[in-house]
């Protein structure tokens, strides 16, 4: 059994590592490579002492579209906000459960981010080192904009795709980020309609995104004091939850102003998912649902600081239920 840096096992090896690999003798038998990921939201709930019976209850509420009991609803709301700032890196989760101190969590998370940057220098080709770090460090600012499409000119003034496309791919291959592709239409199969050159970039782990922001951000999230940037954080939260369940990420944006945060295949249909940090209108969802002949959408989810409720084709859900949207 062996373990190694994710960057080290992704094909980005130094000359010395390649030589050692060539000289190594593989024992008779077979080897399995198991790819490990940060803990997902359900695993976070387990770590916090939530029992299977409570998760079964949430699944029942979702299936029957009945509100979650008020006391449990408040408990899961708190756990969701804690997950936003802690994320799923096991050491960060352990630090929180052991100390209950956000400062201890941040210390772990920022060390992990620093190790990412160190690995970028260690494993990347010399010509790519600075560009990879520039792409990585631009992610919080990329998400701050109203339309969060990844733009190379935000990485560096005058930056172009041909300069940075390989660097961004390197970070994605390392498992640090996830891309969310725009689609030409709201139809299945989603991958068949994706626009290869138009995408958003999210951190694969929500806690690491929060740790990249200035001191005090985590406390603001727990206190509900964020302003405009809260949309970026909770959008990345939903990307975290959907991505960790194995879904590829898609969204829909048209210059006409129609924009849907995410599109998923759910029960055999293309289903928009809109996410709100708290509450709010979903104008684009209403537009799409009222023109089913044009968009071919008959159902949608709105995630936010709500309990469960339905109005026609729109099912409103508390964000903490997103991890149960697994049916395809």
C-alpha atoms as a PDB file:
ATOM      1  CA  UNK A   1       0.000   0.000   0.000  1.00  0.00           C
ATOM      2  CA  UNK A   2       1.280   3.447  -0.785  1.00  0.00           C
ATOM      3  CA  UNK A   3       0.025   7.004  -0.910  1.00  0.00           C
ATOM      4  CA  UNK A   4       1.258  10.081  -2.658  1.00  0.00           C
ATOM      5  CA  UNK A   5       0.579  13.655  -3.631  1.00  0.00           C
ATOM      6  CA  UNK A   6      -2.289  13.883  -6.066  1.00  0.00           C
ATOM      7  CA  UNK A   7      -0.122  16.063  -8.249  1.00  0.00           C
ATOM      8  CA  UNK A   8       2.632  13.456  -8.083  1.00  0.00           C
ATOM      9  CA  UNK A   9       0.472  10.593  -9.305  1.00  0.00           C
ATOM     10  CA  UNK A  10      -1.177  12.532 -12.120  1.00  0.00           C
ATOM     11  CA  UNK A  11       1.768  12.179 -14.466  1.00  0.00           C
ATOM     12  CA  UNK A  12       3.662  15.279 -13.358  1.00  0.00           C
ATOM     13  CA  UNK A  13       6.839  13.614 -12.084  1.00  0.00           C
ATOM     14  CA  UNK A  14      10.335  14.952 -11.718  1.00  0.00           C
ATOM     15  CA  UNK A  15      13.230  13.313 -13.547  1.00  0.00           C
ATOM     16  CA  UNK A  16      14.374  11.702 -10.290  1.00  0.00           C
ATOM     17  CA  UNK A  17      10.881  10.327  -9.576  1.00  0.00           C
ATOM     18  CA  UNK A  18      10.633   8.824 -13.061  1.00  0.00           C
ATOM     19  CA  UNK A  19      14.026   7.147 -12.594  1.00  0.00           C
ATOM     20  CA  UNK A  20      12.972   5.735  -9.230  1.00  0.00           C
ATOM     21  CA  UNK A  21       9.732   4.492 -10.771  1.00  0.00           C
ATOM     22  CA  UNK A  22      11.625   2.729 -13.572  1.00  0.00           C
ATOM     23  CA  UNK A  23      13.960   1.076 -11.077  1.00  0.00           C
ATOM     24  CA  UNK A  24      11.188  -0.030  -8.736  1.00  0.00           C
ATOM     25  CA  UNK A  25      10.182  -3.694  -8.713  1.00  0.00           C
ATOM     26  CA  UNK A  26       6.429  -4.237  -8.656  1.00  0.00           C
ATOM     27  CA  UNK A  27       5.442  -7.240  -6.478  1.00  0.00           C
ATOM     28  CA  UNK A  28       3.728 -10.174  -8.146  1.00  0.00           C
ATOM     29  CA  UNK A  29      -0.033  -9.724  -8.097  1.00  0.00           C
ATOM     30  CA  UNK A  30      -2.069  -6.662  -8.936  1.00  0.00           C
ATOM     31  CA  UNK A  31      -2.474  -3.091  -7.828  1.00  0.00           C
ATOM     32  CA  UNK A  32      -5.567  -0.941  -7.473  1.00  0.00           C
ATOM     33  CA  UNK A  33      -5.498   2.832  -7.577  1.00  0.00           C
ATOM     34  CA  UNK A  34      -8.225   4.345  -5.423  1.00  0.00           C
ATOM     35  CA  UNK A  35      -8.776   8.055  -5.971  1.00  0.00           C
ATOM     36  CA  UNK A  36      -9.564   9.830  -2.716  1.00  0.00           C
ATOM     37  CA  UNK A  37     -11.605  13.021  -2.557  1.00  0.00           C
ATOM     38  CA  UNK A  38     -12.504  15.471   0.210  1.00  0.00           C
ATOM     39  CA  UNK A  39     -15.459  14.449   2.347  1.00  0.00           C
ATOM     40  CA  UNK A  40     -18.836  15.273   0.878  1.00  0.00           C
ATOM     41  CA  UNK A  41     -21.729  16.864   2.737  1.00  0.00           C
ATOM     42  CA  UNK A  42     -23.291  13.552   3.746  1.00  0.00           C
ATOM     43  CA  UNK A  43     -19.958  12.370   5.187  1.00  0.00           C
ATOM     44  CA  UNK A  44     -19.748  15.694   7.037  1.00  0.00           C
ATOM     45  CA  UNK A  45     -23.171  14.970   8.547  1.00  0.00           C
ATOM     46  CA  UNK A  46     -21.967  11.530   9.677  1.00  0.00           C
ATOM     47  CA  UNK A  47     -18.872  13.095  11.251  1.00  0.00           C
ATOM     48  CA  UNK A  48     -21.125  15.499  13.141  1.00  0.00           C
ATOM     49  CA  UNK A  49     -23.151  12.643  14.625  1.00  0.00           C
ATOM     50  CA  UNK A  50     -26.149  12.661  12.284  1.00  0.00           C
ATOM     51  CA  UNK A  51     -27.673   9.176  12.145  1.00  0.00           C
ATOM     52  CA  UNK A  52     -28.930   7.312   9.105  1.00  0.00           C
ATOM     53  CA  UNK A  53     -32.484   7.604  10.441  1.00  0.00           C
ATOM     54  CA  UNK A  54     -32.266  11.398  10.209  1.00  0.00           C
ATOM     55  CA  UNK A  55     -30.993  11.246   6.640  1.00  0.00           C
ATOM     56  CA  UNK A  56     -33.759   8.766   5.806  1.00  0.00           C
ATOM     57  CA  UNK A  57     -36.219  11.271   7.258  1.00  0.00           C
ATOM     58  CA  UNK A  58     -34.847  14.024   5.004  1.00  0.00           C
ATOM     59  CA  UNK A  59     -35.124  11.689   2.010  1.00  0.00           C
ATOM     60  CA  UNK A  60     -38.744  10.988   2.962  1.00  0.00           C
ATOM     61  CA  UNK A  61     -39.510  14.720   3.215  1.00  0.00           C
ATOM     62  CA  UNK A  62     -37.985  15.299  -0.207  1.00  0.00           C
ATOM     63  CA  UNK A  63     -39.905  12.424  -1.775  1.00  0.00           C
ATOM     64  CA  UNK A  64     -43.225  13.497  -0.258  1.00  0.00           C
ATOM     65  CA  UNK A  65     -42.475  17.222  -0.636  1.00  0.00           C
ATOM     66  CA  UNK A  66     -43.370  17.929   2.980  1.00  0.00           C
ATOM     67  CA  UNK A  67     -41.555  20.497   5.181  1.00  0.00           C
ATOM     68  CA  UNK A  68     -38.771  19.329   7.481  1.00  0.00           C
ATOM     69  CA  UNK A  69     -39.551  19.465  11.202  1.00  0.00           C
ATOM     70  CA  UNK A  70     -38.645  22.951  12.494  1.00  0.00           C
ATOM     71  CA  UNK A  71     -36.093  21.789  15.079  1.00  0.00           C
ATOM     72  CA  UNK A  72     -34.306  19.491  12.623  1.00  0.00           C
ATOM     73  CA  UNK A  73     -34.483  22.187   9.968  1.00  0.00           C
ATOM     74  CA  UNK A  74     -32.550  24.593  12.210  1.00  0.00           C
ATOM     75  CA  UNK A  75     -30.024  21.883  13.066  1.00  0.00           C
ATOM     76  CA  UNK A  76     -29.303  21.148   9.410  1.00  0.00           C
ATOM     77  CA  UNK A  77     -29.133  24.853   8.552  1.00  0.00           C
ATOM     78  CA  UNK A  78     -26.373  25.274  11.137  1.00  0.00           C
ATOM     79  CA  UNK A  79     -24.521  22.184   9.895  1.00  0.00           C
ATOM     80  CA  UNK A  80     -24.685  23.498   6.328  1.00  0.00           C
ATOM     81  CA  UNK A  81     -23.173  26.863   7.291  1.00  0.00           C
ATOM     82  CA  UNK A  82     -20.460  25.111   9.272  1.00  0.00           C
ATOM     83  CA  UNK A  83     -19.713  22.936   6.249  1.00  0.00           C
ATOM     84  CA  UNK A  84     -19.317  26.064   4.117  1.00  0.00           C
ATOM     85  CA  UNK A  85     -16.411  27.255   6.258  1.00  0.00           C
ATOM     86  CA  UNK A  86     -14.913  23.855   7.131  1.00  0.00           C
ATOM     87  CA  UNK A  87     -15.371  21.972   3.864  1.00  0.00           C
ATOM     88  CA  UNK A  88     -14.425  18.336   3.492  1.00  0.00           C
ATOM     89  CA  UNK A  89     -10.646  18.101   3.860  1.00  0.00           C
ATOM     90  CA  UNK A  90     -10.358  15.429   6.585  1.00  0.00           C
ATOM     91  CA  UNK A  91      -7.741  17.270   8.632  1.00  0.00           C
ATOM     92  CA  UNK A  92      -9.836  20.446   8.589  1.00  0.00           C
ATOM     93  CA  UNK A  93     -12.920  18.484   9.684  1.00  0.00           C
ATOM     94  CA  UNK A  94     -10.940  16.863  12.496  1.00  0.00           C
ATOM     95  CA  UNK A  95      -9.628  20.256  13.619  1.00  0.00           C
ATOM     96  CA  UNK A  96     -13.160  21.636  13.822  1.00  0.00           C
ATOM     97  CA  UNK A  97     -14.668  18.660  15.618  1.00  0.00           C
ATOM     98  CA  UNK A  98     -11.775  18.585  18.090  1.00  0.00           C
ATOM     99  CA  UNK A  99     -11.452  22.283  18.866  1.00  0.00           C
ATOM    100  CA  UNK A 100     -14.685  23.917  17.633  1.00  0.00           C
ATOM    101  CA  UNK A 101     -12.386  26.813  16.678  1.00  0.00           C
ATOM    102  CA  UNK A 102     -12.563  28.313  13.174  1.00  0.00           C
ATOM    103  CA  UNK A 103      -9.023  29.631  13.641  1.00  0.00           C
ATOM    104  CA  UNK A 104      -7.704  26.083  13.942  1.00  0.00           C
ATOM    105  CA  UNK A 105      -9.576  25.114  10.780  1.00  0.00           C
ATOM    106  CA  UNK A 106      -8.194  28.073   8.830  1.00  0.00           C
ATOM    107  CA  UNK A 107      -4.664  27.190   9.880  1.00  0.00           C
ATOM    108  CA  UNK A 108      -5.071  23.709   8.414  1.00  0.00           C
ATOM    109  CA  UNK A 109      -6.807  24.915   5.247  1.00  0.00           C
ATOM    110  CA  UNK A 110      -4.252  27.605   4.482  1.00  0.00           C
ATOM    111  CA  UNK A 111      -1.434  25.147   4.964  1.00  0.00           C
ATOM    112  CA  UNK A 112      -3.120  22.849   2.441  1.00  0.00           C
ATOM    113  CA  UNK A 113      -3.475  25.721  -0.035  1.00  0.00           C
ATOM    114  CA  UNK A 114       0.183  26.592   0.471  1.00  0.00           C
ATOM    115  CA  UNK A 115       1.082  22.951  -0.176  1.00  0.00           C
ATOM    116  CA  UNK A 116      -0.927  23.089  -3.406  1.00  0.00           C
ATOM    117  CA  UNK A 117       1.124  26.088  -4.486  1.00  0.00           C
ATOM    118  CA  UNK A 118       4.332  24.343  -3.481  1.00  0.00           C
ATOM    119  CA  UNK A 119       3.368  21.286  -5.524  1.00  0.00           C
ATOM    120  CA  UNK A 120       2.682  23.529  -8.503  1.00  0.00           C
ATOM    121  CA  UNK A 121       6.273  24.702  -8.322  1.00  0.00           C
ATOM    122  CA  UNK A 122       7.578  21.196  -7.683  1.00  0.00           C
ATOM    123  CA  UNK A 123       5.801  19.251 -10.408  1.00  0.00           C
ATOM    124  CA  UNK A 124       4.978  21.713 -13.205  1.00  0.00           C
ATOM    125  CA  UNK A 125       7.235  22.506 -16.109  1.00  0.00           C
ATOM    126  CA  UNK A 126       9.329  25.628 -15.559  1.00  0.00           C
ATOM    127  CA  UNK A 127       7.482  27.614 -18.233  1.00  0.00           C
ATOM    128  CA  UNK A 128       4.108  26.830 -16.627  1.00  0.00           C
ATOM    129  CA  UNK A 129       4.849  27.493 -12.945  1.00  0.00           C
ATOM    130  CA  UNK A 130       3.866  31.175 -12.759  1.00  0.00           C
ATOM    131  CA  UNK A 131       0.865  30.761 -15.042  1.00  0.00           C
ATOM    132  CA  UNK A 132      -0.569  27.908 -12.981  1.00  0.00           C
ATOM    133  CA  UNK A 133      -0.333  29.960  -9.794  1.00  0.00           C
ATOM    134  CA  UNK A 134      -1.868  32.987 -11.518  1.00  0.00           C
ATOM    135  CA  UNK A 135      -4.841  30.904 -12.684  1.00  0.00           C
ATOM    136  CA  UNK A 136      -5.294  29.378  -9.246  1.00  0.00           C
ATOM    137  CA  UNK A 137      -5.051  32.666  -7.359  1.00  0.00           C
ATOM    138  CA  UNK A 138      -7.560  34.365  -9.702  1.00  0.00           C
ATOM    139  CA  UNK A 139     -10.429  32.019  -8.786  1.00  0.00           C
ATOM    140  CA  UNK A 140     -11.935  34.069  -5.900  1.00  0.00           C
ATOM    141  CA  UNK A 141     -12.003  37.183  -8.093  1.00  0.00           C
ATOM    142  CA  UNK A 142     -13.437  35.239 -11.053  1.00  0.00           C
ATOM    143  CA  UNK A 143     -16.369  34.190  -8.856  1.00  0.00           C
ATOM    144  CA  UNK A 144     -16.996  37.726  -7.620  1.00  0.00           C
ATOM    145  CA  UNK A 145     -18.515  38.896 -10.891  1.00  0.00           C
ATOM    146  CA  UNK A 146     -22.233  38.782 -11.660  1.00  0.00           C
ATOM    147  CA  UNK A 147     -21.550  36.523 -14.655  1.00  0.00           C
ATOM    148  CA  UNK A 148     -18.901  34.160 -13.354  1.00  0.00           C
ATOM    149  CA  UNK A 149     -17.557  32.878 -16.683  1.00  0.00           C
ATOM    150  CA  UNK A 150     -13.815  32.240 -16.353  1.00  0.00           C
ATOM    151  CA  UNK A 151     -11.966  34.997 -18.203  1.00  0.00           C
ATOM    152  CA  UNK A 152      -8.261  34.737 -18.979  1.00  0.00           C
ATOM    153  CA  UNK A 153      -7.876  38.528 -19.009  1.00  0.00           C
ATOM    154  CA  UNK A 154      -8.675  38.452 -15.281  1.00  0.00           C
ATOM    155  CA  UNK A 155      -5.730  36.143 -14.667  1.00  0.00           C
ATOM    156  CA  UNK A 156      -3.418  38.780 -16.098  1.00  0.00           C
ATOM    157  CA  UNK A 157      -4.196  41.929 -18.035  1.00  0.00           C
ATOM    158  CA  UNK A 158      -4.196  40.973 -21.711  1.00  0.00           C
ATOM    159  CA  UNK A 159      -4.167  37.255 -20.884  1.00  0.00           C
ATOM    160  CA  UNK A 160      -5.368  34.945 -23.635  1.00  0.00           C
ATOM    161  CA  UNK A 161      -6.662  31.406 -23.781  1.00  0.00           C
ATOM    162  CA  UNK A 162      -3.614  30.093 -25.612  1.00  0.00           C
ATOM    163  CA  UNK A 163      -1.400  31.389 -22.785  1.00  0.00           C
ATOM    164  CA  UNK A 164      -3.301  29.787 -19.911  1.00  0.00           C
ATOM    165  CA  UNK A 165      -5.463  26.935 -21.181  1.00  0.00           C
ATOM    166  CA  UNK A 166      -2.794  24.336 -20.347  1.00  0.00           C
ATOM    167  CA  UNK A 167      -2.218  25.828 -16.909  1.00  0.00           C
ATOM    168  CA  UNK A 168      -5.909  25.667 -16.063  1.00  0.00           C
ATOM    169  CA  UNK A 169      -6.088  22.081 -17.297  1.00  0.00           C
ATOM    170  CA  UNK A 170      -3.151  21.234 -15.023  1.00  0.00           C
ATOM    171  CA  UNK A 171      -5.037  22.497 -11.953  1.00  0.00           C
ATOM    172  CA  UNK A 172      -8.164  20.616 -12.981  1.00  0.00           C
ATOM    173  CA  UNK A 173      -6.247  17.379 -13.534  1.00  0.00           C
ATOM    174  CA  UNK A 174      -4.819  17.792 -10.040  1.00  0.00           C
ATOM    175  CA  UNK A 175      -8.360  17.695  -8.616  1.00  0.00           C
ATOM    176  CA  UNK A 176      -8.223  21.208  -7.130  1.00  0.00           C
ATOM    177  CA  UNK A 177     -10.957  22.772  -9.263  1.00  0.00           C
ATOM    178  CA  UNK A 178     -14.043  21.782 -11.222  1.00  0.00           C
ATOM    179  CA  UNK A 179     -15.242  23.343 -14.449  1.00  0.00           C
ATOM    180  CA  UNK A 180     -18.909  24.039 -15.087  1.00  0.00           C
ATOM    181  CA  UNK A 181     -19.682  24.320 -18.812  1.00  0.00           C
ATOM    182  CA  UNK A 182     -22.277  26.507 -20.467  1.00  0.00           C
ATOM    183  CA  UNK A 183     -24.684  24.681 -22.754  1.00  0.00           C
ATOM    184  CA  UNK A 184     -26.254  25.644 -26.060  1.00  0.00           C
ATOM    185  CA  UNK A 185     -29.675  24.492 -24.914  1.00  0.00           C
ATOM    186  CA  UNK A 186     -31.541  23.109 -21.916  1.00  0.00           C
ATOM    187  CA  UNK A 187     -31.834  19.627 -23.387  1.00  0.00           C
ATOM    188  CA  UNK A 188     -30.350  16.215 -22.739  1.00  0.00           C
ATOM    189  CA  UNK A 189     -27.695  14.980 -23.116  1.00  0.00           C
ATOM    190  CA  UNK A 190     -26.081  17.940 -21.399  1.00  0.00           C
ATOM    191  CA  UNK A 191     -22.566  16.963 -22.403  1.00  0.00           C
ATOM    192  CA  UNK A 192     -23.641  16.889 -26.035  1.00  0.00           C
ATOM    193  CA  UNK A 193     -24.705  20.540 -25.841  1.00  0.00           C
ATOM    194  CA  UNK A 194     -21.817  21.968 -23.829  1.00  0.00           C
ATOM    195  CA  UNK A 195     -19.783  24.914 -25.086  1.00  0.00           C
ATOM    196  CA  UNK A 196     -16.182  23.854 -24.671  1.00  0.00           C
ATOM    197  CA  UNK A 197     -14.775  27.390 -24.527  1.00  0.00           C
ATOM    198  CA  UNK A 198     -17.293  28.912 -22.097  1.00  0.00           C
ATOM    199  CA  UNK A 199     -17.163  27.753 -18.492  1.00  0.00           C
ATOM    200  CA  UNK A 200     -17.035  28.731 -14.849  1.00  0.00           C
ATOM    201  CA  UNK A 201     -14.376  27.469 -12.445  1.00  0.00           C
ATOM    202  CA  UNK A 202     -15.191  26.424  -8.885  1.00  0.00           C
ATOM    203  CA  UNK A 203     -12.957  25.166  -6.116  1.00  0.00           C
ATOM    204  CA  UNK A 204     -13.530  21.439  -5.655  1.00  0.00           C
ATOM    205  CA  UNK A 205     -13.789  22.002  -1.881  1.00  0.00           C
ATOM    206  CA  UNK A 206     -15.847  24.914  -0.560  1.00  0.00           C
ATOM    207  CA  UNK A 207     -13.832  25.233   2.654  1.00  0.00           C
ATOM    208  CA  UNK A 208     -10.612  25.862   0.726  1.00  0.00           C
ATOM    209  CA  UNK A 209     -12.307  28.650  -1.257  1.00  0.00           C
ATOM    210  CA  UNK A 210     -13.355  30.374   1.973  1.00  0.00           C
ATOM    211  CA  UNK A 211      -9.832  29.983   3.371  1.00  0.00           C
ATOM    212  CA  UNK A 212      -8.449  31.880   0.351  1.00  0.00           C
ATOM    213  CA  UNK A 213     -10.441  34.952   1.380  1.00  0.00           C
ATOM    214  CA  UNK A 214      -9.382  37.413   4.059  1.00  0.00           C
ATOM    215  CA  UNK A 215      -9.590  36.823   7.807  1.00  0.00           C
ATOM    216  CA  UNK A 216     -13.083  37.272   9.192  1.00  0.00           C
ATOM    217  CA  UNK A 217     -14.908  35.813   6.176  1.00  0.00           C
ATOM    218  CA  UNK A 218     -15.694  32.526   7.914  1.00  0.00           C
ATOM    219  CA  UNK A 219     -17.156  34.356  10.913  1.00  0.00           C
ATOM    220  CA  UNK A 220     -19.233  36.516   8.570  1.00  0.00           C
ATOM    221  CA  UNK A 221     -20.661  33.415   6.891  1.00  0.00           C
ATOM    222  CA  UNK A 222     -21.659  31.880  10.217  1.00  0.00           C
ATOM    223  CA  UNK A 223     -23.223  35.170  11.300  1.00  0.00           C
ATOM    224  CA  UNK A 224     -24.957  35.756   7.958  1.00  0.00           C
ATOM    225  CA  UNK A 225     -23.201  39.071   7.427  1.00  0.00           C
ATOM    226  CA  UNK A 226     -21.901  38.646   3.875  1.00  0.00           C
ATOM    227  CA  UNK A 227     -23.088  41.021   1.196  1.00  0.00           C
ATOM    228  CA  UNK A 228     -22.676  40.583  -2.556  1.00  0.00           C
ATOM    229  CA  UNK A 229     -19.987  37.866  -2.370  1.00  0.00           C
ATOM    230  CA  UNK A 230     -22.324  35.468  -0.589  1.00  0.00           C
ATOM    231  CA  UNK A 231     -23.747  34.469  -3.977  1.00  0.00           C
ATOM    232  CA  UNK A 232     -20.315  33.282  -5.127  1.00  0.00           C
ATOM    233  CA  UNK A 233     -19.797  31.265  -1.950  1.00  0.00           C
ATOM    234  CA  UNK A 234     -23.144  29.509  -2.044  1.00  0.00           C
ATOM    235  CA  UNK A 235     -22.912  28.866  -5.768  1.00  0.00           C
ATOM    236  CA  UNK A 236     -19.545  27.192  -5.151  1.00  0.00           C
ATOM    237  CA  UNK A 237     -21.169  25.299  -2.270  1.00  0.00           C
ATOM    238  CA  UNK A 238     -23.737  23.767  -4.634  1.00  0.00           C
ATOM    239  CA  UNK A 239     -20.950  22.988  -7.132  1.00  0.00           C
ATOM    240  CA  UNK A 240     -19.114  21.252  -4.266  1.00  0.00           C
ATOM    241  CA  UNK A 241     -22.163  19.139  -3.377  1.00  0.00           C
ATOM    242  CA  UNK A 242     -23.083  18.232  -6.957  1.00  0.00           C
ATOM    243  CA  UNK A 243     -19.472  17.569  -7.953  1.00  0.00           C
ATOM    244  CA  UNK A 244     -18.755  15.309  -4.987  1.00  0.00           C
ATOM    245  CA  UNK A 245     -21.742  13.126  -5.870  1.00  0.00           C
ATOM    246  CA  UNK A 246     -20.039  12.493  -9.217  1.00  0.00           C
ATOM    247  CA  UNK A 247     -22.050  14.847 -11.398  1.00  0.00           C
ATOM    248  CA  UNK A 248     -20.442  16.814 -14.198  1.00  0.00           C
ATOM    249  CA  UNK A 249     -21.313  20.486 -13.892  1.00  0.00           C
ATOM    250  CA  UNK A 250     -23.296  22.503 -16.438  1.00  0.00           C
ATOM    251  CA  UNK A 251     -25.095  25.839 -16.515  1.00  0.00           C
ATOM    252  CA  UNK A 252     -27.093  27.862 -19.057  1.00  0.00           C
ATOM    253  CA  UNK A 253     -26.446  31.466 -20.064  1.00  0.00           C
ATOM    254  CA  UNK A 254     -27.722  33.538 -22.952  1.00  0.00           C
ATOM    255  CA  UNK A 255     -26.945  37.141 -23.807  1.00  0.00           C
ATOM    256  CA  UNK A 256     -30.688  37.789 -23.588  1.00  0.00           C
ATOM    257  CA  UNK A 257     -30.261  37.681 -19.824  1.00  0.00           C
ATOM    258  CA  UNK A 258     -31.509  34.165 -19.124  1.00  0.00           C
ATOM    259  CA  UNK A 259     -29.069  32.415 -16.801  1.00  0.00           C
ATOM    260  CA  UNK A 260     -29.549  29.199 -14.835  1.00  0.00           C
ATOM    261  CA  UNK A 261     -26.952  28.438 -12.160  1.00  0.00           C
ATOM    262  CA  UNK A 262     -26.829  24.689 -12.846  1.00  0.00           C
ATOM    263  CA  UNK A 263     -28.417  22.081 -15.078  1.00  0.00           C
ATOM    264  CA  UNK A 264     -28.636  18.463 -13.970  1.00  0.00           C
ATOM    265  CA  UNK A 265     -30.198  15.285 -15.298  1.00  0.00           C
ATOM    266  CA  UNK A 266     -32.847  14.396 -12.718  1.00  0.00           C
ATOM    267  CA  UNK A 267     -35.295  11.536 -13.168  1.00  0.00           C
ATOM    268  CA  UNK A 268     -34.642  11.496 -16.893  1.00  0.00           C
ATOM    269  CA  UNK A 269     -35.214  15.194 -17.509  1.00  0.00           C
ATOM    270  CA  UNK A 270     -33.058  18.296 -17.850  1.00  0.00           C
ATOM    271  CA  UNK A 271     -33.629  20.118 -14.575  1.00  0.00           C
ATOM    272  CA  UNK A 272     -32.419  23.633 -13.727  1.00  0.00           C
ATOM    273  CA  UNK A 273     -31.070  24.251 -10.221  1.00  0.00           C
ATOM    274  CA  UNK A 274     -31.028  27.823  -8.942  1.00  0.00           C
ATOM    275  CA  UNK A 275     -29.144  28.580  -5.724  1.00  0.00           C
ATOM    276  CA  UNK A 276     -29.651  31.482  -3.323  1.00  0.00           C
ATOM    277  CA  UNK A 277     -27.538  32.329  -0.308  1.00  0.00           C
ATOM    278  CA  UNK A 278     -30.692  33.224   1.585  1.00  0.00           C
ATOM    279  CA  UNK A 279     -33.887  33.873  -0.392  1.00  0.00           C
ATOM    280  CA  UNK A 280     -34.714  35.743  -3.558  1.00  0.00           C
ATOM    281  CA  UNK A 281     -36.520  35.775  -6.860  1.00  0.00           C
ATOM    282  CA  UNK A 282     -35.586  33.453  -9.683  1.00  0.00           C
ATOM    283  CA  UNK A 283     -36.599  35.417 -12.761  1.00  0.00           C
ATOM    284  CA  UNK A 284     -34.772  33.195 -15.250  1.00  0.00           C
ATOM    285  CA  UNK A 285     -36.397  30.079 -13.790  1.00  0.00           C
ATOM    286  CA  UNK A 286     -39.838  31.611 -14.211  1.00  0.00           C
ATOM    287  CA  UNK A 287     -39.006  32.543 -17.799  1.00  0.00           C
ATOM    288  CA  UNK A 288     -37.800  29.052 -18.657  1.00  0.00           C
ATOM    289  CA  UNK A 289     -40.706  27.271 -16.963  1.00  0.00           C
ATOM    290  CA  UNK A 290     -43.287  29.519 -18.625  1.00  0.00           C
ATOM    291  CA  UNK A 291     -41.875  28.766 -22.098  1.00  0.00           C
ATOM    292  CA  UNK A 292     -41.636  24.990 -22.017  1.00  0.00           C
ATOM    293  CA  UNK A 293     -42.084  24.802 -25.792  1.00  0.00           C
ATOM    294  CA  UNK A 294     -38.837  26.751 -26.239  1.00  0.00           C
ATOM    295  CA  UNK A 295     -36.701  25.433 -23.370  1.00  0.00           C
ATOM    296  CA  UNK A 296     -38.169  21.912 -22.966  1.00  0.00           C
ATOM    297  CA  UNK A 297     -38.015  22.164 -19.177  1.00  0.00           C
ATOM    298  CA  UNK A 298     -40.892  20.921 -17.047  1.00  0.00           C
ATOM    299  CA  UNK A 299     -39.386  20.947 -13.548  1.00  0.00           C
ATOM    300  CA  UNK A 300     -36.845  22.974 -11.573  1.00  0.00           C
ATOM    301  CA  UNK A 301     -35.317  23.327  -8.108  1.00  0.00           C
ATOM    302  CA  UNK A 302     -34.624  26.502  -6.160  1.00  0.00           C
ATOM    303  CA  UNK A 303     -32.166  26.019  -3.296  1.00  0.00           C
ATOM    304  CA  UNK A 304     -31.854  28.541  -0.493  1.00  0.00           C
ATOM    305  CA  UNK A 305     -32.739  29.379   3.081  1.00  0.00           C
ATOM    306  CA  UNK A 306     -36.177  27.821   2.771  1.00  0.00           C
ATOM    307  CA  UNK A 307     -38.074  24.794   3.907  1.00  0.00           C
ATOM    308  CA  UNK A 308     -39.650  22.455   1.351  1.00  0.00           C
ATOM    309  CA  UNK A 309     -42.453  23.885  -0.753  1.00  0.00           C
ATOM    310  CA  UNK A 310     -43.817  23.621  -4.260  1.00  0.00           C
ATOM    311  CA  UNK A 311     -45.408  26.146  -6.599  1.00  0.00           C
ATOM    312  CA  UNK A 312     -46.421  24.536  -9.866  1.00  0.00           C
ATOM    313  CA  UNK A 313     -43.282  23.134 -11.551  1.00  0.00           C
ATOM    314  CA  UNK A 314     -40.853  24.813  -9.121  1.00  0.00           C
ATOM    315  CA  UNK A 315     -39.813  22.873  -6.035  1.00  0.00           C
ATOM    316  CA  UNK A 316     -38.156  25.041  -3.382  1.00  0.00           C
ATOM    317  CA  UNK A 317     -35.696  23.232  -1.129  1.00  0.00           C
ATOM    318  CA  UNK A 318     -33.347  24.067   1.732  1.00  0.00           C
ATOM    319  CA  UNK A 319     -29.799  23.978   0.357  1.00  0.00           C
ATOM    320  CA  UNK A 320     -28.854  21.218   2.773  1.00  0.00           C
ATOM    321  CA  UNK A 321     -31.074  18.837   0.782  1.00  0.00           C
ATOM    322  CA  UNK A 322     -29.022  19.231  -2.412  1.00  0.00           C
ATOM    323  CA  UNK A 323     -26.950  16.154  -1.539  1.00  0.00           C
ATOM    324  CA  UNK A 324     -30.062  13.998  -1.996  1.00  0.00           C
ATOM    325  CA  UNK A 325     -30.621  15.031  -5.650  1.00  0.00           C
ATOM    326  CA  UNK A 326     -28.883  11.899  -6.879  1.00  0.00           C
ATOM    327  CA  UNK A 327     -31.448  10.343  -9.201  1.00  0.00           C
ATOM    328  CA  UNK A 328     -30.658  10.496 -12.894  1.00  0.00           C
END
